[in-house]
N, C-alpha and C. Protein backbone atom coordinates (compact mmCIF):
# COMPACT_ATOMS: atom_id res chain seq x y z
N MET A 1 0.76 -1.16 -0.02
CA MET A 1 -0.28 -0.18 -0.01
C MET A 1 0.81 1.11 0.02
N TRP A 2 0.37 2.28 -0.73
CA TRP A 2 0.99 3.86 -0.78
C TRP A 2 0.12 4.56 -0.09
N LEU A 3 0.62 5.65 0.87
CA LEU A 3 -0.01 6.76 0.74
C LEU A 3 -0.36 7.49 -0.36
N ARG A 4 -1.75 8.05 -0.32
CA ARG A 4 -1.65 9.43 -1.11
C ARG A 4 -2.52 10.18 -0.79
N GLY A 5 -2.75 11.64 -1.43
CA GLY A 5 -3.46 12.59 -0.95
C GLY A 5 -2.65 13.45 0.09
N GLY A 6 -3.43 13.86 1.11
CA GLY A 6 -2.76 14.72 2.05
C GLY A 6 -1.88 14.12 2.87
N TRP A 7 -1.99 12.85 3.20
CA TRP A 7 -1.03 12.29 4.33
C TRP A 7 0.24 12.16 3.37
N ALA A 8 -0.14 11.58 2.17
CA ALA A 8 1.08 11.46 1.31
C ALA A 8 2.16 12.57 1.33
N MET A 9 1.35 13.66 1.18
CA MET A 9 2.47 15.11 0.70
C MET A 9 2.89 15.04 2.50
N ASP A 10 2.17 14.94 3.25
CA ASP A 10 2.71 15.42 4.74
C ASP A 10 3.97 14.52 4.74
N PHE A 11 4.02 13.28 4.72
CA PHE A 11 5.02 12.14 4.68
C PHE A 11 6.34 12.39 3.73
N THR A 12 5.76 12.93 2.54
CA THR A 12 6.90 13.51 1.75
C THR A 12 7.79 14.61 2.20
N LEU A 13 6.91 15.72 2.70
CA LEU A 13 7.41 16.78 3.13
C LEU A 13 8.28 16.50 4.67
N GLY A 14 7.64 15.70 5.37
CA GLY A 14 8.54 15.05 6.51
C GLY A 14 7.71 16.28 7.90
N ARG A 15 6.70 16.72 7.50
CA ARG A 15 5.90 17.55 8.49
C ARG A 15 4.44 17.46 7.89
N LEU A 16 3.47 17.92 9.11
CA LEU A 16 2.04 18.24 9.17
C LEU A 16 2.21 19.38 8.60
N THR A 17 1.07 19.33 7.52
CA THR A 17 0.70 20.70 6.94
C THR A 17 -0.70 20.93 7.30
N ARG A 18 -1.66 20.13 7.66
CA ARG A 18 -2.96 20.64 7.82
C ARG A 18 -3.59 19.41 8.84
N ASP A 19 -4.93 19.24 9.23
CA ASP A 19 -5.68 18.22 9.63
C ASP A 19 -5.88 17.73 8.72
N HIS A 20 -6.40 16.11 8.62
CA HIS A 20 -6.93 15.38 7.99
C HIS A 20 -8.36 14.62 8.24
N GLY A 21 -8.97 14.39 7.55
CA GLY A 21 -10.09 13.87 7.84
C GLY A 21 -10.15 12.63 7.52
N ASP A 22 -9.32 12.12 6.71
CA ASP A 22 -9.16 10.67 6.35
C ASP A 22 -7.88 10.23 6.20
N ILE A 23 -7.82 9.05 5.48
CA ILE A 23 -6.50 8.60 4.88
C ILE A 23 -6.82 8.05 3.63
N ASP A 24 -6.11 8.46 2.50
CA ASP A 24 -6.05 8.07 1.22
C ASP A 24 -4.81 6.79 0.72
N TRP A 25 -5.37 5.78 0.31
CA TRP A 25 -4.05 4.46 -0.07
C TRP A 25 -4.38 4.35 -1.68
N PHE A 26 -3.41 3.71 -2.16
CA PHE A 26 -3.31 3.26 -3.43
C PHE A 26 -3.27 1.59 -2.95
N THR A 27 -3.79 0.79 -3.50
CA THR A 27 -3.30 -0.68 -3.17
C THR A 27 -3.82 -1.47 -4.43
N TRP A 28 -3.19 -2.58 -4.59
CA TRP A 28 -3.35 -3.54 -5.67
C TRP A 28 -4.85 -4.25 -5.39
N ALA A 29 -5.44 -4.27 -6.47
CA ALA A 29 -7.17 -4.62 -6.66
C ALA A 29 -6.88 -6.20 -6.21
N GLY A 30 -5.88 -7.20 -6.62
CA GLY A 30 -5.87 -8.49 -6.29
C GLY A 30 -5.78 -8.62 -5.01
N GLY A 31 -5.72 -7.82 -4.05
CA GLY A 31 -5.53 -8.07 -2.54
C GLY A 31 -6.60 -7.13 -1.84
N ALA A 32 -7.42 -6.89 -2.71
CA ALA A 32 -8.71 -6.13 -1.95
C ALA A 32 -9.36 -6.43 -1.08
N ASP A 33 -9.91 -8.03 -1.39
CA ASP A 33 -10.64 -8.84 -0.71
C ASP A 33 -10.34 -9.13 0.80
N ALA A 34 -8.69 -9.34 0.47
CA ALA A 34 -7.80 -9.87 1.79
C ALA A 34 -8.07 -8.75 2.72
N LEU A 35 -7.56 -7.65 2.10
CA LEU A 35 -7.68 -6.21 2.74
C LEU A 35 -8.92 -6.11 3.49
N ALA A 36 -10.01 -6.45 2.85
CA ALA A 36 -11.12 -5.89 3.34
C ALA A 36 -11.67 -7.02 4.48
N ARG A 37 -11.26 -8.21 4.32
CA ARG A 37 -11.46 -9.16 5.61
C ARG A 37 -10.70 -8.61 6.70
N GLU A 38 -9.51 -8.50 6.60
CA GLU A 38 -8.70 -8.15 7.83
C GLU A 38 -9.17 -6.74 8.50
N LEU A 39 -9.42 -5.85 7.75
CA LEU A 39 -9.91 -4.52 8.19
C LEU A 39 -10.95 -4.78 8.97
N THR A 40 -12.04 -5.51 8.41
CA THR A 40 -13.28 -5.94 9.29
C THR A 40 -13.20 -6.70 10.87
N ARG A 41 -11.85 -7.58 10.43
CA ARG A 41 -11.76 -8.52 11.58
C ARG A 41 -11.21 -7.31 12.71
N LEU A 42 -10.59 -6.39 12.08
CA LEU A 42 -10.17 -5.37 13.26
C LEU A 42 -11.17 -4.36 13.58
N GLY A 43 -12.47 -4.48 12.96
CA GLY A 43 -13.73 -3.79 13.49
C GLY A 43 -13.70 -2.49 12.76
N TYR A 44 -13.37 -2.79 11.39
CA TYR A 44 -13.87 -1.51 10.43
C TYR A 44 -14.97 -1.86 9.90
N ALA A 45 -15.77 -1.04 9.54
CA ALA A 45 -17.07 -1.22 8.69
C ALA A 45 -16.72 -0.41 7.26
N GLU A 46 -17.08 -1.64 6.29
CA GLU A 46 -16.99 -1.27 4.94
C GLU A 46 -18.10 -0.05 4.39
N VAL A 47 -17.68 0.80 3.88
CA VAL A 47 -18.63 2.00 3.55
C VAL A 47 -19.04 1.70 2.19
N PRO A 48 -20.44 2.05 1.68
CA PRO A 48 -20.45 2.04 0.39
C PRO A 48 -19.93 3.23 -0.57
N GLY A 49 -19.81 3.37 -1.56
CA GLY A 49 -19.15 4.56 -2.41
C GLY A 49 -19.08 3.97 -4.03
N PRO A 50 -17.76 4.48 -4.06
CA PRO A 50 -17.33 4.65 -5.81
C PRO A 50 -17.94 3.22 -6.31
N PRO A 51 -17.84 3.11 -7.75
CA PRO A 51 -18.09 1.59 -8.59
C PRO A 51 -17.16 0.73 -8.09
N PRO A 52 -17.96 -0.33 -8.05
CA PRO A 52 -17.24 -1.75 -7.39
C PRO A 52 -15.58 -1.74 -8.38
N GLY A 53 -14.61 -1.93 -7.84
CA GLY A 53 -13.42 -2.38 -8.63
C GLY A 53 -12.67 -0.88 -8.54
N LEU A 54 -13.21 -0.04 -8.07
CA LEU A 54 -12.59 1.26 -8.20
C LEU A 54 -12.03 1.79 -6.99
N GLN A 55 -12.69 1.51 -5.50
CA GLN A 55 -12.14 2.01 -4.71
C GLN A 55 -13.02 1.09 -3.60
N ARG A 56 -12.28 0.84 -2.42
CA ARG A 56 -13.03 0.44 -0.89
C ARG A 56 -12.88 1.49 -0.06
N ASP A 57 -13.91 1.57 0.62
CA ASP A 57 -13.73 2.47 1.62
C ASP A 57 -14.30 1.78 2.88
N PHE A 58 -13.36 2.14 4.19
CA PHE A 58 -13.81 1.41 5.55
C PHE A 58 -13.92 2.79 6.70
N ALA A 59 -14.53 2.48 7.61
CA ALA A 59 -14.86 3.57 8.79
C ALA A 59 -14.50 2.95 10.02
N LYS A 60 -13.84 3.37 10.93
CA LYS A 60 -13.65 2.99 12.22
C LYS A 60 -13.65 4.14 13.38
N GLY A 61 -14.19 4.47 14.11
CA GLY A 61 -14.23 5.38 14.90
C GLY A 61 -14.14 6.73 14.57
N GLY A 62 -15.07 6.96 13.47
CA GLY A 62 -15.26 8.18 12.79
C GLY A 62 -13.83 8.45 11.66
N LEU A 63 -13.19 7.57 11.78
CA LEU A 63 -12.22 7.85 10.55
C LEU A 63 -12.35 7.18 9.32
N GLU A 64 -12.41 7.80 8.07
CA GLU A 64 -12.46 7.01 6.91
C GLU A 64 -11.14 6.59 6.35
N SER A 65 -11.05 5.85 5.91
CA SER A 65 -9.88 5.21 4.97
C SER A 65 -10.29 4.50 3.70
N SER A 66 -9.88 5.21 2.74
CA SER A 66 -10.08 4.91 1.18
C SER A 66 -8.96 4.35 0.60
N PHE A 67 -9.42 3.22 -0.24
CA PHE A 67 -8.42 2.74 -0.82
C PHE A 67 -8.46 2.53 -2.38
N THR A 68 -8.03 3.35 -3.06
CA THR A 68 -8.45 3.30 -4.60
C THR A 68 -7.28 2.00 -5.37
N LEU A 69 -8.01 1.36 -5.86
CA LEU A 69 -7.34 0.13 -6.56
C LEU A 69 -6.68 0.30 -7.67
N ILE A 70 -5.49 -0.38 -7.79
CA ILE A 70 -4.76 -0.26 -8.89
C ILE A 70 -4.27 -1.45 -9.41
N ASP A 71 -4.21 -1.82 -10.58
CA ASP A 71 -3.63 -2.89 -11.50
C ASP A 71 -2.59 -2.61 -12.63
N ARG A 72 -2.10 -3.86 -13.12
CA ARG A 72 -1.42 -3.75 -14.54
C ARG A 72 -1.71 -4.10 -15.29
N ASP A 73 -1.64 -3.30 -16.67
CA ASP A 73 -2.11 -3.85 -17.87
C ASP A 73 -1.23 -4.49 -18.56
N HIS A 74 -1.61 -5.18 -19.92
CA HIS A 74 -0.52 -5.99 -20.34
C HIS A 74 0.82 -5.55 -20.95
N LEU A 75 1.06 -4.39 -20.82
CA LEU A 75 2.46 -3.56 -20.94
C LEU A 75 3.11 -3.29 -19.83
N GLY A 76 2.27 -3.84 -18.61
CA GLY A 76 3.16 -3.26 -17.13
C GLY A 76 2.73 -2.40 -16.73
N ARG A 77 1.85 -1.27 -17.22
CA ARG A 77 1.63 0.06 -16.52
C ARG A 77 0.83 -0.21 -15.62
N ILE A 78 0.99 0.74 -14.65
CA ILE A 78 -0.24 0.74 -13.55
C ILE A 78 -1.27 1.63 -13.70
N VAL A 79 -2.49 1.02 -13.85
CA VAL A 79 -3.66 1.25 -14.37
C VAL A 79 -4.85 1.27 -13.27
N VAL A 80 -6.02 2.16 -13.55
CA VAL A 80 -7.09 1.84 -12.49
C VAL A 80 -7.48 0.71 -13.07
N ALA A 81 -7.79 0.09 -11.75
CA ALA A 81 -8.32 -1.19 -11.74
C ALA A 81 -9.93 -1.40 -12.21
N GLY A 82 -10.74 -0.40 -12.16
CA GLY A 82 -12.17 -0.89 -12.01
C GLY A 82 -12.93 0.42 -12.45
N GLY A 83 -14.13 0.49 -12.38
CA GLY A 83 -15.13 1.69 -12.69
C GLY A 83 -15.20 2.02 -14.18
N PRO A 84 -15.44 3.46 -14.34
CA PRO A 84 -15.73 3.53 -15.66
C PRO A 84 -14.13 4.00 -16.45
N GLY A 85 -13.12 4.18 -15.74
CA GLY A 85 -11.81 4.38 -16.23
C GLY A 85 -10.97 3.21 -16.16
N ALA A 86 -11.63 2.07 -16.14
CA ALA A 86 -10.63 1.09 -15.81
C ALA A 86 -9.73 0.52 -17.16
N GLY A 87 -8.36 0.59 -16.52
CA GLY A 87 -7.45 0.28 -17.79
C GLY A 87 -6.68 1.64 -17.97
N THR A 88 -7.33 2.87 -17.46
CA THR A 88 -6.51 3.93 -17.83
C THR A 88 -5.49 3.96 -16.72
N PRO A 89 -4.21 4.60 -17.60
CA PRO A 89 -2.62 4.51 -17.10
C PRO A 89 -2.81 5.76 -16.01
N TRP A 90 -2.47 5.05 -14.46
CA TRP A 90 -1.90 6.30 -13.86
C TRP A 90 -0.52 6.94 -14.21
N PRO A 91 -0.07 8.18 -13.55
CA PRO A 91 1.25 8.37 -13.95
C PRO A 91 2.12 7.53 -13.79
N GLN A 92 3.28 7.36 -14.81
CA GLN A 92 4.16 6.45 -14.91
C GLN A 92 4.97 6.28 -13.30
N ASP A 93 5.30 7.31 -12.76
CA ASP A 93 6.09 6.89 -11.50
C ASP A 93 5.42 7.10 -10.10
N LEU A 94 4.17 6.63 -10.34
CA LEU A 94 3.03 6.46 -9.19
C LEU A 94 3.56 6.04 -7.99
N LEU A 95 4.36 4.53 -8.28
CA LEU A 95 4.74 3.88 -7.14
C LEU A 95 6.35 4.29 -6.71
N ASP A 96 6.81 5.15 -7.14
CA ASP A 96 8.39 5.55 -7.07
C ASP A 96 9.00 6.45 -5.82
N GLY A 97 7.75 6.84 -4.92
CA GLY A 97 7.91 7.72 -4.05
C GLY A 97 8.77 7.20 -2.87
N GLY A 98 8.97 6.14 -2.78
CA GLY A 98 9.71 5.40 -1.78
C GLY A 98 9.19 5.61 -0.39
N PRO A 99 10.02 5.67 0.68
CA PRO A 99 9.34 5.93 1.85
C PRO A 99 9.36 7.16 2.50
N GLY A 100 8.15 7.79 2.99
CA GLY A 100 8.11 9.34 3.30
C GLY A 100 8.19 9.11 4.70
N ARG A 101 8.65 10.08 5.70
CA ARG A 101 8.49 10.17 6.99
C ARG A 101 8.01 10.92 7.65
N LEU A 102 7.33 11.01 8.84
CA LEU A 102 6.81 11.96 9.47
C LEU A 102 7.07 11.42 11.23
N GLY A 103 7.69 12.23 11.78
CA GLY A 103 7.90 12.12 13.16
C GLY A 103 8.97 10.90 12.97
N GLY A 104 8.37 9.68 13.65
CA GLY A 104 9.31 8.48 13.91
C GLY A 104 8.85 7.47 12.84
N LEU A 105 7.75 7.80 12.00
CA LEU A 105 7.02 7.04 11.30
C LEU A 105 7.38 6.89 9.75
N SER A 106 7.52 5.96 9.08
CA SER A 106 7.81 5.75 7.89
C SER A 106 6.55 5.08 7.17
N CYS A 107 6.47 5.36 6.02
CA CYS A 107 5.47 4.79 5.08
C CYS A 107 5.71 4.88 3.46
N PRO A 108 5.45 4.07 2.73
CA PRO A 108 5.72 3.98 1.28
C PRO A 108 4.31 5.24 0.67
N VAL A 109 5.16 6.05 0.11
CA VAL A 109 4.20 7.53 -0.47
C VAL A 109 4.32 7.20 -2.24
N VAL A 110 2.98 8.11 -2.76
CA VAL A 110 2.73 8.13 -3.99
C VAL A 110 4.24 9.27 -4.39
N ALA A 111 4.85 9.20 -5.37
CA ALA A 111 6.00 10.02 -6.07
C ALA A 111 5.15 11.34 -5.85
N PRO A 112 6.20 12.10 -5.59
CA PRO A 112 5.85 13.64 -5.40
C PRO A 112 5.40 14.21 -6.96
N ARG A 113 5.88 13.94 -7.95
CA ARG A 113 5.61 14.41 -9.11
C ARG A 113 4.28 13.77 -9.42
N ALA A 114 3.83 12.57 -9.09
CA ALA A 114 2.54 12.00 -9.28
C ALA A 114 1.51 12.47 -8.52
N GLN A 115 1.93 12.90 -7.26
CA GLN A 115 0.69 13.65 -6.49
C GLN A 115 0.49 14.87 -7.21
N ILE A 116 1.32 15.48 -7.79
CA ILE A 116 0.97 16.85 -8.37
C ILE A 116 0.29 16.86 -9.67
N GLU A 117 0.47 15.67 -10.45
CA GLU A 117 -0.16 15.16 -11.73
C GLU A 117 -1.59 15.01 -11.21
N ILE A 118 -1.66 14.15 -10.47
CA ILE A 118 -3.25 13.81 -10.11
C ILE A 118 -4.05 14.94 -9.51
N LYS A 119 -3.33 15.66 -8.44
CA LYS A 119 -4.23 16.87 -8.08
C LYS A 119 -4.66 17.67 -9.14
N ARG A 120 -3.75 18.01 -10.17
CA ARG A 120 -4.11 18.83 -11.32
C ARG A 120 -5.11 18.15 -12.22
N MET A 121 -4.88 17.12 -12.44
CA MET A 121 -5.93 16.32 -13.44
C MET A 121 -7.12 15.73 -12.73
N MET A 122 -7.45 15.62 -11.60
CA MET A 122 -8.64 15.26 -10.87
C MET A 122 -9.87 16.05 -11.68
N PRO A 123 -9.86 17.21 -11.61
CA PRO A 123 -11.20 18.14 -11.87
C PRO A 123 -11.15 17.83 -13.60
N VAL A 124 -9.97 17.47 -14.18
CA VAL A 124 -10.44 16.97 -15.76
C VAL A 124 -10.89 15.68 -15.67
N TRP A 125 -10.11 14.82 -15.12
CA TRP A 125 -10.80 13.22 -15.05
C TRP A 125 -12.24 12.95 -14.73
N ASN A 126 -12.46 13.92 -13.62
CA ASN A 126 -14.01 14.03 -12.98
C ASN A 126 -14.33 15.30 -12.81
N PRO A 127 -15.03 15.88 -13.81
CA PRO A 127 -15.66 17.18 -13.50
C PRO A 127 -16.32 17.66 -12.58
N ALA A 128 -17.14 16.37 -11.92
CA ALA A 128 -17.78 16.58 -10.66
C ALA A 128 -16.90 17.13 -9.47
N LEU A 129 -15.66 16.79 -9.70
CA LEU A 129 -14.67 17.30 -8.72
C LEU A 129 -13.96 18.20 -8.76
N PRO A 130 -14.45 19.64 -8.59
CA PRO A 130 -13.60 20.91 -8.85
C PRO A 130 -12.55 21.18 -7.94
N ARG A 131 -11.50 21.78 -8.59
CA ARG A 131 -10.10 21.96 -7.69
C ARG A 131 -10.45 22.67 -6.46
N ARG A 132 -9.85 22.02 -5.49
CA ARG A 132 -10.13 22.52 -4.13
C ARG A 132 -8.97 23.71 -3.63
N GLU A 133 -9.05 24.55 -2.82
CA GLU A 133 -8.06 25.72 -2.51
C GLU A 133 -6.95 24.80 -1.74
N LYS A 134 -7.29 23.74 -1.11
CA LYS A 134 -6.06 22.87 -0.41
C LYS A 134 -5.20 22.01 -1.52
N ASP A 135 -6.00 21.97 -2.50
CA ASP A 135 -5.13 21.27 -3.55
C ASP A 135 -4.14 21.97 -4.40
N ARG A 136 -4.61 23.35 -4.54
CA ARG A 136 -3.60 24.44 -5.07
C ARG A 136 -2.55 24.80 -4.01
N ALA A 137 -2.85 24.60 -2.81
CA ALA A 137 -1.70 24.82 -1.76
C ALA A 137 -0.72 23.75 -1.95
N ASP A 138 -1.36 22.48 -1.74
CA ASP A 138 -0.48 21.07 -1.80
C ASP A 138 0.05 21.08 -3.16
N ILE A 139 -0.16 21.29 -4.23
CA ILE A 139 0.52 21.47 -5.57
C ILE A 139 1.88 22.80 -5.31
N ALA A 140 1.53 23.60 -4.78
CA ALA A 140 2.64 24.68 -4.62
C ALA A 140 3.80 24.21 -3.55
N LEU A 141 3.12 23.63 -2.45
CA LEU A 141 4.15 23.05 -1.53
C LEU A 141 4.95 21.74 -2.28
N LEU A 142 4.19 21.14 -2.79
CA LEU A 142 5.02 19.94 -3.39
C LEU A 142 6.19 20.49 -4.54
N GLU A 143 5.77 21.34 -5.60
CA GLU A 143 6.59 21.99 -6.20
C GLU A 143 7.82 22.64 -5.80
N ARG A 144 7.71 23.25 -4.72
CA ARG A 144 8.67 23.69 -3.97
C ARG A 144 9.67 22.75 -3.18
N HIS A 145 8.88 21.67 -2.76
CA HIS A 145 9.69 20.69 -2.20
C HIS A 145 10.66 20.15 -3.67
N LEU A 146 10.27 20.02 -4.59
CA LEU A 146 10.88 19.61 -5.85
C LEU A 146 11.90 20.28 -6.75
N GLY A 147 11.65 21.58 -5.99
CA GLY A 147 12.53 22.48 -6.64
C GLY A 147 12.02 23.24 -7.88
N VAL A 148 10.84 23.03 -8.27
CA VAL A 148 10.20 23.20 -9.69
C VAL A 148 9.58 24.73 -9.48
């Protein structure tokens, strides 16, 4: 699994930039059922949401965790696993972020350049999701971090 979204940015930068209402992840579609069983065993409840095969959402104690499902196509590219965009490639370097660190914690994160591309493209990919001010701020912080 790889952190995505706001927590990925914070682990990339090595500091907390804002409060977070959820935790976003990328995970392989092939392991989604096993992940769901383990989270259920740990007391999480699955929350209905996006189209099947695209994302699995879980909640426990008021905290939601969203797992966007990824797969590989016949060329080995990382792609959207399900839903209307199934087979659409994600940014090429999506999983190249390495471990991010925040305090004493370490976690694999989405590559910073891919984080920027996703934040820029989300309103294009899904016009129902307009760009938010926090996305603009995140893009600026990540670009500064990369020296762009």
